[in-house]
Structures are given as structure tokens and as C-alpha cells.
PDB file of N, CA and C in Angstrom:
ATOM      1  N   MET A   1     -39.255  51.621  22.781  1.00  0.00           N
ATOM      2  CA  MET A   1     -38.784  52.889  22.284  1.00  0.00           C
ATOM      3  C   MET A   1     -38.935  52.905  20.770  1.00  0.00           C
ATOM      4  N   LYS A   2     -39.575  53.911  20.284  1.00  0.00           N
ATOM      5  CA  LYS A   2     -39.797  54.042  18.852  1.00  0.00           C
ATOM      6  C   LYS A   2     -38.841  55.098  18.289  1.00  0.00           C
ATOM      7  N   ILE A   3     -38.143  54.740  17.232  1.00  0.00           N
ATOM      8  CA  ILE A   3     -37.221  55.665  16.571  1.00  0.00           C
ATOM      9  C   ILE A   3     -38.003  56.438  15.522  1.00  0.00           C
ATOM     10  N   ILE A   4     -38.076  57.744  15.717  1.00  0.00           N
ATOM     11  CA  ILE A   4     -38.862  58.588  14.816  1.00  0.00           C
ATOM     12  C   ILE A   4     -38.034  58.991  13.587  1.00  0.00           C
ATOM     13  N   ASN A   5     -36.796  59.434  13.812  1.00  0.00           N
ATOM     14  CA  ASN A   5     -35.950  59.891  12.719  1.00  0.00           C
ATOM     15  C   ASN A   5     -34.747  58.946  12.615  1.00  0.00           C
ATOM     16  N   LYS A   6     -34.824  57.988  11.712  1.00  0.00           N
ATOM     17  CA  LYS A   6     -33.784  56.967  11.586  1.00  0.00           C
ATOM     18  C   LYS A   6     -32.440  57.555  11.163  1.00  0.00           C
ATOM     19  N   ALA A   7     -32.433  58.545  10.317  1.00  0.00           N
ATOM     20  CA  ALA A   7     -31.177  59.159   9.858  1.00  0.00           C
ATOM     21  C   ALA A   7     -30.454  59.844  11.016  1.00  0.00           C
ATOM     22  N   LYS A   8     -31.222  60.572  11.831  1.00  0.00           N
ATOM     23  CA  LYS A   8     -30.636  61.254  12.982  1.00  0.00           C
ATOM     24  C   LYS A   8     -30.107  60.234  13.997  1.00  0.00           C
ATOM     25  N   PHE A   9     -30.839  59.162  14.199  1.00  0.00           N
ATOM     26  CA  PHE A   9     -30.419  58.103  15.111  1.00  0.00           C
ATOM     27  C   PHE A   9     -29.118  57.455  14.621  1.00  0.00           C
ATOM     28  N   ALA A  10     -29.028  57.128  13.339  1.00  0.00           N
ATOM     29  CA  ALA A  10     -27.825  56.504  12.761  1.00  0.00           C
ATOM     30  C   ALA A  10     -26.631  57.442  12.872  1.00  0.00           C
ATOM     31  N   ARG A  11     -26.857  58.724  12.592  1.00  0.00           N
ATOM     32  CA  ARG A  11     -25.784  59.716  12.697  1.00  0.00           C
ATOM     33  C   ARG A  11     -25.277  59.797  14.144  1.00  0.00           C
ATOM     34  N   GLY A  12     -26.165  59.755  15.095  1.00  0.00           N
ATOM     35  CA  GLY A  12     -25.781  59.788  16.506  1.00  0.00           C
ATOM     36  C   GLY A  12     -24.952  58.581  16.901  1.00  0.00           C
ATOM     37  N   ILE A  13     -25.348  57.405  16.438  1.00  0.00           N
ATOM     38  CA  ILE A  13     -24.596  56.184  16.733  1.00  0.00           C
ATOM     39  C   ILE A  13     -23.194  56.264  16.140  1.00  0.00           C
ATOM     40  N   ILE A  14     -23.086  56.751  14.911  1.00  0.00           N
ATOM     41  CA  ILE A  14     -21.779  56.887  14.259  1.00  0.00           C
ATOM     42  C   ILE A  14     -20.887  57.856  15.025  1.00  0.00           C
ATOM     43  N   ILE A  15     -21.440  58.970  15.457  1.00  0.00           N
ATOM     44  CA  ILE A  15     -20.661  59.954  16.209  1.00  0.00           C
ATOM     45  C   ILE A  15     -20.199  59.374  17.538  1.00  0.00           C
ATOM     46  N   ILE A  16     -21.075  58.695  18.242  1.00  0.00           N
ATOM     47  CA  ILE A  16     -20.708  58.079  19.518  1.00  0.00           C
ATOM     48  C   ILE A  16     -19.614  57.030  19.316  1.00  0.00           C
ATOM     49  N   THR A  17     -19.731  56.218  18.277  1.00  0.00           N
ATOM     50  CA  THR A  17     -18.714  55.204  17.983  1.00  0.00           C
ATOM     51  C   THR A  17     -17.371  55.861  17.673  1.00  0.00           C
ATOM     52  N   PHE A  18     -17.389  56.936  16.905  1.00  0.00           N
ATOM     53  CA  PHE A  18     -16.163  57.651  16.567  1.00  0.00           C
ATOM     54  C   PHE A  18     -15.500  58.209  17.824  1.00  0.00           C
ATOM     55  N   ILE A  19     -16.278  58.798  18.714  1.00  0.00           N
ATOM     56  CA  ILE A  19     -15.730  59.373  19.949  1.00  0.00           C
ATOM     57  C   ILE A  19     -15.114  58.285  20.825  1.00  0.00           C
ATOM     58  N   ILE A  20     -15.802  57.176  20.976  1.00  0.00           N
ATOM     59  CA  ILE A  20     -15.273  56.072  21.791  1.00  0.00           C
ATOM     60  C   ILE A  20     -13.986  55.525  21.172  1.00  0.00           C
ATOM     61  N   SER A  21     -13.957  55.372  19.852  1.00  0.00           N
ATOM     62  CA  SER A  21     -12.754  54.888  19.174  1.00  0.00           C
ATOM     63  C   SER A  21     -11.597  55.858  19.355  1.00  0.00           C
ATOM     64  N   PHE A  22     -11.858  57.140  19.219  1.00  0.00           N
ATOM     65  CA  PHE A  22     -10.828  58.162  19.384  1.00  0.00           C
ATOM     66  C   PHE A  22     -10.246  58.119  20.790  1.00  0.00           C
ATOM     67  N   ILE A  23     -11.098  58.021  21.791  1.00  0.00           N
ATOM     68  CA  ILE A  23     -10.631  57.949  23.181  1.00  0.00           C
ATOM     69  C   ILE A  23      -9.794  56.701  23.393  1.00  0.00           C
ATOM     70  N   PHE A  24     -10.221  55.577  22.857  1.00  0.00           N
ATOM     71  CA  PHE A  24      -9.478  54.323  23.007  1.00  0.00           C
ATOM     72  C   PHE A  24      -8.096  54.430  22.359  1.00  0.00           C
ATOM     73  N   ILE A  25      -8.019  54.924  21.150  1.00  0.00           N
ATOM     74  CA  ILE A  25      -6.744  55.051  20.444  1.00  0.00           C
ATOM     75  C   ILE A  25      -5.845  56.048  21.149  1.00  0.00           C
ATOM     76  N   PHE A  26      -6.378  57.177  21.543  1.00  0.00           N
ATOM     77  CA  PHE A  26      -5.585  58.200  22.219  1.00  0.00           C
ATOM     78  C   PHE A  26      -5.054  57.701  23.557  1.00  0.00           C
ATOM     79  N   SER A  27      -5.867  56.993  24.318  1.00  0.00           N
ATOM     80  CA  SER A  27      -5.424  56.513  25.631  1.00  0.00           C
ATOM     81  C   SER A  27      -4.334  55.460  25.493  1.00  0.00           C
ATOM     82  N   ASN A  28      -4.363  54.627  24.455  1.00  0.00           N
ATOM     83  CA  ASN A  28      -3.311  53.637  24.242  1.00  0.00           C
ATOM     84  C   ASN A  28      -2.003  54.297  23.866  1.00  0.00           C
ATOM     85  N   SER A  29      -2.022  55.323  23.024  1.00  0.00           N
ATOM     86  CA  SER A  29      -0.784  55.971  22.610  1.00  0.00           C
ATOM     87  C   SER A  29      -0.147  56.716  23.772  1.00  0.00           C
ATOM     88  N   VAL A  30      -0.946  57.283  24.652  1.00  0.00           N
ATOM     89  CA  VAL A  30      -0.409  57.987  25.804  1.00  0.00           C
ATOM     90  C   VAL A  30       0.267  57.007  26.751  1.00  0.00           C
ATOM     91  N   ALA A  31      -0.296  55.843  26.937  1.00  0.00           N
ATOM     92  CA  ALA A  31       0.280  54.865  27.854  1.00  0.00           C
ATOM     93  C   ALA A  31       1.656  54.412  27.385  1.00  0.00           C
ATOM     94  N   TYR A  32       1.830  54.217  26.088  1.00  0.00           N
ATOM     95  CA  TYR A  32       3.116  53.749  25.584  1.00  0.00           C
ATOM     96  C   TYR A  32       4.160  54.854  25.551  1.00  0.00           C
ATOM     97  N   SER A  33       3.756  56.098  25.361  1.00  0.00           N
ATOM     98  CA  SER A  33       4.727  57.177  25.240  1.00  0.00           C
ATOM     99  C   SER A  33       5.372  57.529  26.577  1.00  0.00           C
ATOM    100  N   SER A  34       4.767  57.148  27.687  1.00  0.00           N
ATOM    101  CA  SER A  34       5.323  57.486  28.985  1.00  0.00           C
ATOM    102  C   SER A  34       6.383  56.493  29.451  1.00  0.00           C
ATOM    103  N   VAL A  35       6.589  55.415  28.720  1.00  0.00           N
ATOM    104  CA  VAL A  35       7.570  54.409  29.102  1.00  0.00           C
ATOM    105  C   VAL A  35       8.887  54.706  28.401  1.00  0.00           C
ATOM    106  N   GLU A  36       9.959  54.743  29.181  1.00  0.00           N
ATOM    107  CA  GLU A  36      11.278  54.993  28.603  1.00  0.00           C
ATOM    108  C   GLU A  36      11.907  53.665  28.188  1.00  0.00           C
ATOM    109  N   VAL A  37      12.221  53.558  26.914  1.00  0.00           N
ATOM    110  CA  VAL A  37      12.854  52.348  26.396  1.00  0.00           C
ATOM    111  C   VAL A  37      14.351  52.600  26.305  1.00  0.00           C
ATOM    112  N   ARG A  38      15.120  51.686  26.878  1.00  0.00           N
ATOM    113  CA  ARG A  38      16.584  51.761  26.828  1.00  0.00           C
ATOM    114  C   ARG A  38      17.102  50.541  26.078  1.00  0.00           C
ATOM    115  N   LEU A  39      18.334  50.597  25.660  1.00  0.00           N
ATOM    116  CA  LEU A  39      18.982  49.447  25.036  1.00  0.00           C
ATOM    117  C   LEU A  39      20.030  48.905  25.981  1.00  0.00           C
ATOM    118  N   LYS A  40      19.988  47.605  26.219  1.00  0.00           N
ATOM    119  CA  LYS A  40      21.045  46.958  26.986  1.00  0.00           C
ATOM    120  C   LYS A  40      21.885  46.147  26.010  1.00  0.00           C
ATOM    121  N   GLU A  41      23.143  45.940  26.356  1.00  0.00           N
ATOM    122  CA  GLU A  41      24.029  45.175  25.500  1.00  0.00           C
ATOM    123  C   GLU A  41      24.266  43.805  26.107  1.00  0.00           C
ATOM    124  N   ILE A  42      24.158  42.783  25.272  1.00  0.00           N
ATOM    125  CA  ILE A  42      24.493  41.429  25.712  1.00  0.00           C
ATOM    126  C   ILE A  42      25.506  40.866  24.719  1.00  0.00           C
ATOM    127  N   TYR A  43      26.248  39.874  25.165  1.00  0.00           N
ATOM    128  CA  TYR A  43      27.217  39.203  24.309  1.00  0.00           C
ATOM    129  C   TYR A  43      26.803  37.749  24.153  1.00  0.00           C
ATOM    130  N   VAL A  44      26.842  37.261  22.939  1.00  0.00           N
ATOM    131  CA  VAL A  44      26.411  35.904  22.627  1.00  0.00           C
ATOM    132  C   VAL A  44      27.388  34.918  23.252  1.00  0.00           C
ATOM    133  N   GLY A  45      26.854  33.959  23.998  1.00  0.00           N
ATOM    134  CA  GLY A  45      27.662  32.927  24.636  1.00  0.00           C
ATOM    135  C   GLY A  45      27.686  31.654  23.816  1.00  0.00           C
ATOM    136  N   ASN A  46      28.524  30.730  24.241  1.00  0.00           N
ATOM    137  CA  ASN A  46      28.655  29.442  23.560  1.00  0.00           C
ATOM    138  C   ASN A  46      27.330  28.691  23.581  1.00  0.00           C
ATOM    139  N   GLY A  47      26.848  28.276  22.433  1.00  0.00           N
ATOM    140  CA  GLY A  47      25.617  27.515  22.322  1.00  0.00           C
ATOM    141  C   GLY A  47      24.351  28.343  22.262  1.00  0.00           C
ATOM    142  N   GLU A  48      24.470  29.649  22.396  1.00  0.00           N
ATOM    143  CA  GLU A  48      23.283  30.500  22.337  1.00  0.00           C
ATOM    144  C   GLU A  48      22.869  30.738  20.887  1.00  0.00           C
ATOM    145  N   THR A  49      21.589  30.771  20.693  1.00  0.00           N
ATOM    146  CA  THR A  49      21.017  31.063  19.383  1.00  0.00           C
ATOM    147  C   THR A  49      20.104  32.269  19.527  1.00  0.00           C
ATOM    148  N   LEU A  50      19.709  32.820  18.404  1.00  0.00           N
ATOM    149  CA  LEU A  50      18.777  33.941  18.448  1.00  0.00           C
ATOM    150  C   LEU A  50      17.462  33.518  19.093  1.00  0.00           C
ATOM    151  N   TRP A  51      17.069  32.273  18.836  1.00  0.00           N
ATOM    152  CA  TRP A  51      15.846  31.735  19.443  1.00  0.00           C
ATOM    153  C   TRP A  51      15.977  31.672  20.967  1.00  0.00           C
ATOM    154  N   SER A  52      17.105  31.155  21.468  1.00  0.00           N
ATOM    155  CA  SER A  52      17.272  31.022  22.926  1.00  0.00           C
ATOM    156  C   SER A  52      17.354  32.386  23.598  1.00  0.00           C
ATOM    157  N   ILE A  53      18.016  33.336  22.951  1.00  0.00           N
ATOM    158  CA  ILE A  53      18.095  34.695  23.502  1.00  0.00           C
ATOM    159  C   ILE A  53      16.707  35.328  23.517  1.00  0.00           C
ATOM    160  N   ALA A  54      15.959  35.154  22.437  1.00  0.00           N
ATOM    161  CA  ALA A  54      14.600  35.707  22.364  1.00  0.00           C
ATOM    162  C   ALA A  54      13.703  35.099  23.435  1.00  0.00           C
ATOM    163  N   ARG A  55      13.795  33.799  23.665  1.00  0.00           N
ATOM    164  CA  ARG A  55      12.987  33.140  24.712  1.00  0.00           C
ATOM    165  C   ARG A  55      13.345  33.695  26.089  1.00  0.00           C
ATOM    166  N   GLU A  56      14.628  33.895  26.326  1.00  0.00           N
ATOM    167  CA  GLU A  56      15.082  34.447  27.606  1.00  0.00           C
ATOM    168  C   GLU A  56      14.531  35.866  27.800  1.00  0.00           C
ATOM    169  N   GLU A  57      14.606  36.670  26.766  1.00  0.00           N
ATOM    170  CA  GLU A  57      14.086  38.039  26.844  1.00  0.00           C
ATOM    171  C   GLU A  57      12.566  38.049  26.997  1.00  0.00           C
ATOM    172  N   LEU A  58      11.904  37.143  26.329  1.00  0.00           N
ATOM    173  CA  LEU A  58      10.449  37.037  26.419  1.00  0.00           C
ATOM    174  C   LEU A  58      10.010  36.749  27.855  1.00  0.00           C
ATOM    175  N   ASN A  59      10.777  35.928  28.544  1.00  0.00           N
ATOM    176  CA  ASN A  59      10.436  35.548  29.920  1.00  0.00           C
ATOM    177  C   ASN A  59      10.875  36.567  30.961  1.00  0.00           C
ATOM    178  N   ASN A  60      11.890  37.391  30.659  1.00  0.00           N
ATOM    179  CA  ASN A  60      12.476  38.258  31.684  1.00  0.00           C
ATOM    180  C   ASN A  60      12.481  39.744  31.351  1.00  0.00           C
ATOM    181  N   ASN A  61      11.956  40.142  30.219  1.00  0.00           N
ATOM    182  CA  ASN A  61      12.029  41.530  29.787  1.00  0.00           C
ATOM    183  C   ASN A  61      10.609  42.052  29.541  1.00  0.00           C
ATOM    184  N   LEU A  62      10.192  43.050  30.318  1.00  0.00           N
ATOM    185  CA  LEU A  62       8.837  43.595  30.192  1.00  0.00           C
ATOM    186  C   LEU A  62       8.573  44.224  28.830  1.00  0.00           C
ATOM    187  N   TYR A  63       9.620  44.655  28.142  1.00  0.00           N
ATOM    188  CA  TYR A  63       9.448  45.241  26.811  1.00  0.00           C
ATOM    189  C   TYR A  63       8.772  44.256  25.864  1.00  0.00           C
ATOM    190  N   TYR A  64       9.047  42.977  26.049  1.00  0.00           N
ATOM    191  CA  TYR A  64       8.508  41.948  25.168  1.00  0.00           C
ATOM    192  C   TYR A  64       7.302  41.210  25.755  1.00  0.00           C
ATOM    193  N   SER A  65       6.661  41.765  26.775  1.00  0.00           N
ATOM    194  CA  SER A  65       5.506  41.073  27.353  1.00  0.00           C
ATOM    195  C   SER A  65       4.387  40.967  26.322  1.00  0.00           C
ATOM    196  N   ASN A  66       3.723  39.844  26.334  1.00  0.00           N
ATOM    197  CA  ASN A  66       2.606  39.545  25.425  1.00  0.00           C
ATOM    198  C   ASN A  66       3.009  39.514  23.955  1.00  0.00           C
ATOM    199  N   LYS A  67       4.239  39.155  23.679  1.00  0.00           N
ATOM    200  CA  LYS A  67       4.715  39.019  22.301  1.00  0.00           C
ATOM    201  C   LYS A  67       4.982  37.556  22.004  1.00  0.00           C
ATOM    202  N   ASP A  68       5.020  37.239  20.737  1.00  0.00           N
ATOM    203  CA  ASP A  68       5.396  35.905  20.277  1.00  0.00           C
ATOM    204  C   ASP A  68       6.909  35.875  20.100  1.00  0.00           C
ATOM    205  N   VAL A  69       7.526  34.721  20.316  1.00  0.00           N
ATOM    206  CA  VAL A  69       8.983  34.616  20.216  1.00  0.00           C
ATOM    207  C   VAL A  69       9.471  35.025  18.827  1.00  0.00           C
ATOM    208  N   ARG A  70       8.680  34.785  17.799  1.00  0.00           N
ATOM    209  CA  ARG A  70       9.079  35.180  16.437  1.00  0.00           C
ATOM    210  C   ARG A  70       9.114  36.697  16.288  1.00  0.00           C
ATOM    211  N   GLU A  71       8.215  37.395  16.971  1.00  0.00           N
ATOM    212  CA  GLU A  71       8.242  38.861  16.959  1.00  0.00           C
ATOM    213  C   GLU A  71       9.488  39.384  17.658  1.00  0.00           C
ATOM    214  N   VAL A  72       9.862  38.726  18.758  1.00  0.00           N
ATOM    215  CA  VAL A  72      11.060  39.124  19.507  1.00  0.00           C
ATOM    216  C   VAL A  72      12.294  38.929  18.629  1.00  0.00           C
ATOM    217  N   ILE A  73      12.387  37.786  17.961  1.00  0.00           N
ATOM    218  CA  ILE A  73      13.522  37.515  17.070  1.00  0.00           C
ATOM    219  C   ILE A  73      13.582  38.572  15.975  1.00  0.00           C
ATOM    220  N   SER A  74      12.468  38.845  15.351  1.00  0.00           N
ATOM    221  CA  SER A  74      12.424  39.840  14.277  1.00  0.00           C
ATOM    222  C   SER A  74      12.859  41.206  14.780  1.00  0.00           C
ATOM    223  N   ASN A  75      12.420  41.588  15.962  1.00  0.00           N
ATOM    224  CA  ASN A  75      12.780  42.875  16.537  1.00  0.00           C
ATOM    225  C   ASN A  75      14.276  42.949  16.842  1.00  0.00           C
ATOM    226  N   ILE A  76      14.836  41.898  17.418  1.00  0.00           N
ATOM    227  CA  ILE A  76      16.271  41.868  17.729  1.00  0.00           C
ATOM    228  C   ILE A  76      17.090  41.951  16.437  1.00  0.00           C
ATOM    229  N   LYS A  77      16.659  41.220  15.407  1.00  0.00           N
ATOM    230  CA  LYS A  77      17.361  41.268  14.126  1.00  0.00           C
ATOM    231  C   LYS A  77      17.306  42.675  13.531  1.00  0.00           C
ATOM    232  N   LYS A  78      16.163  43.314  13.609  1.00  0.00           N
ATOM    233  CA  LYS A  78      16.001  44.661  13.042  1.00  0.00           C
ATOM    234  C   LYS A  78      16.875  45.669  13.772  1.00  0.00           C
ATOM    235  N   ILE A  79      16.839  45.650  15.093  1.00  0.00           N
ATOM    236  CA  ILE A  79      17.613  46.601  15.893  1.00  0.00           C
ATOM    237  C   ILE A  79      19.106  46.439  15.648  1.00  0.00           C
ATOM    238  N   ASN A  80      19.566  45.200  15.458  1.00  0.00           N
ATOM    239  CA  ASN A  80      20.988  44.924  15.302  1.00  0.00           C
ATOM    240  C   ASN A  80      21.412  44.793  13.834  1.00  0.00           C
ATOM    241  N   ASN A  81      20.519  45.123  12.909  1.00  0.00           N
ATOM    242  CA  ASN A  81      20.809  45.058  11.471  1.00  0.00           C
ATOM    243  C   ASN A  81      21.362  43.696  11.052  1.00  0.00           C
ATOM    244  N   LEU A  82      20.711  42.637  11.532  1.00  0.00           N
ATOM    245  CA  LEU A  82      21.135  41.277  11.190  1.00  0.00           C
ATOM    246  C   LEU A  82      20.355  40.814   9.963  1.00  0.00           C
ATOM    247  N   SER A  83      21.070  40.288   8.980  1.00  0.00           N
ATOM    248  CA  SER A  83      20.398  39.788   7.778  1.00  0.00           C
ATOM    249  C   SER A  83      20.024  38.314   7.915  1.00  0.00           C
ATOM    250  N   SER A  84      20.632  37.624   8.889  1.00  0.00           N
ATOM    251  CA  SER A  84      20.293  36.226   9.131  1.00  0.00           C
ATOM    252  C   SER A  84      20.231  35.983  10.638  1.00  0.00           C
ATOM    253  N   SER A  85      19.871  34.772  11.002  1.00  0.00           N
ATOM    254  CA  SER A  85      19.776  34.428  12.428  1.00  0.00           C
ATOM    255  C   SER A  85      21.062  33.805  12.959  1.00  0.00           C
ATOM    256  N   THR A  86      22.098  33.774  12.151  1.00  0.00           N
ATOM    257  CA  THR A  86      23.373  33.197  12.562  1.00  0.00           C
ATOM    258  C   THR A  86      24.119  34.173  13.463  1.00  0.00           C
ATOM    259  N   LEU A  87      24.541  33.681  14.635  1.00  0.00           N
ATOM    260  CA  LEU A  87      25.274  34.498  15.597  1.00  0.00           C
ATOM    261  C   LEU A  87      26.664  33.917  15.825  1.00  0.00           C
ATOM    262  N   GLN A  88      27.579  34.772  16.242  1.00  0.00           N
ATOM    263  CA  GLN A  88      28.938  34.357  16.568  1.00  0.00           C
ATOM    264  C   GLN A  88      29.166  34.501  18.071  1.00  0.00           C
ATOM    265  N   ILE A  89      29.966  33.612  18.645  1.00  0.00           N
ATOM    266  CA  ILE A  89      30.302  33.719  20.067  1.00  0.00           C
ATOM    267  C   ILE A  89      30.991  35.060  20.293  1.00  0.00           C
ATOM    268  N   GLY A  90      30.557  35.785  21.305  1.00  0.00           N
ATOM    269  CA  GLY A  90      31.126  37.085  21.635  1.00  0.00           C
ATOM    270  C   GLY A  90      30.502  38.249  20.884  1.00  0.00           C
ATOM    271  N   GLN A  91      29.587  37.961  19.974  1.00  0.00           N
ATOM    272  CA  GLN A  91      28.921  39.029  19.221  1.00  0.00           C
ATOM    273  C   GLN A  91      28.071  39.870  20.166  1.00  0.00           C
ATOM    274  N   LYS A  92      28.163  41.194  20.011  1.00  0.00           N
ATOM    275  CA  LYS A  92      27.395  42.114  20.857  1.00  0.00           C
ATOM    276  C   LYS A  92      26.038  42.367  20.221  1.00  0.00           C
ATOM    277  N   LEU A  93      24.980  42.266  21.026  1.00  0.00           N
ATOM    278  CA  LEU A  93      23.618  42.540  20.577  1.00  0.00           C
ATOM    279  C   LEU A  93      23.005  43.617  21.473  1.00  0.00           C
ATOM    280  N   ALA A  94      22.266  44.527  20.864  1.00  0.00           N
ATOM    281  CA  ALA A  94      21.502  45.532  21.603  1.00  0.00           C
ATOM    282  C   ALA A  94      20.083  45.005  21.765  1.00  0.00           C
ATOM    283  N   ILE A  95      19.595  45.046  23.013  1.00  0.00           N
ATOM    284  CA  ILE A  95      18.264  44.533  23.319  1.00  0.00           C
ATOM    285  C   ILE A  95      17.467  45.651  24.004  1.00  0.00           C
ATOM    286  N   PRO A  96      16.279  45.997  23.473  1.00  0.00           N
ATOM    287  CA  PRO A  96      15.466  47.026  24.139  1.00  0.00           C
ATOM    288  C   PRO A  96      14.910  46.509  25.465  1.00  0.00           C
ATOM    289  N   THR A  97      14.810  47.405  26.423  1.00  0.00           N
ATOM    290  CA  THR A  97      14.288  47.048  27.737  1.00  0.00           C
ATOM    291  C   THR A  97      13.614  48.270  28.351  1.00  0.00           C
ATOM    292  N   ILE A  98      12.708  48.009  29.301  1.00  0.00           N
ATOM    293  CA  ILE A  98      12.074  49.113  30.036  1.00  0.00           C
ATOM    294  C   ILE A  98      12.304  48.912  31.510  1.00  0.00           C
TER     295      ILE A  98
END
């Protein structure tokens, strides 16, 4: 196949790439918007740490699927306005879930 008009060919490739990218981005945003995220409340037990709670949520909570435990910890801290990772026994934490 011989390309006669290189500028027209390049423009076509760019347009096709843009359309495919737009469809990919749009389809991902639609998939996430249809999921209802709720907050569940848990209370910190004796010996529990933010790390242990995050590991438990990572293994049992679909909201955190395919995440790193450090991302889960950061998210839990952000949602609960925690400035450190220190927890108290009986402390209430809000955890997102689907």
C-alpha cells in the first residue's frame, strides 16, 4: 500500500486515536458512576492497627479491589480525617463499601 498524501494519512490516524481514546475514557467513567458507594462503620478492636484494618478491607471489600494496602490506608485516613495512623480502642471508623 502506497501512501499518496502523508498529511491526510497522519491526520486520519490522529483522529482515529482520539476517537478510540474518548470511547475508552467515557466507558470507564460510566462503569464507575453506576456503582453505589456506601459507608459502613467499624469500631477499632484491641490490637488492631490501621494496617490490619486496611488488609482486612483489601481482602473482603470490593471497593478496594486491585488496590495497594497503602492506598487503602490513605483512603481510610482521608475519609476519617485522621492526621496520623494511631488508633484508639473503640474508635469509630467509616469505611467505603459497594
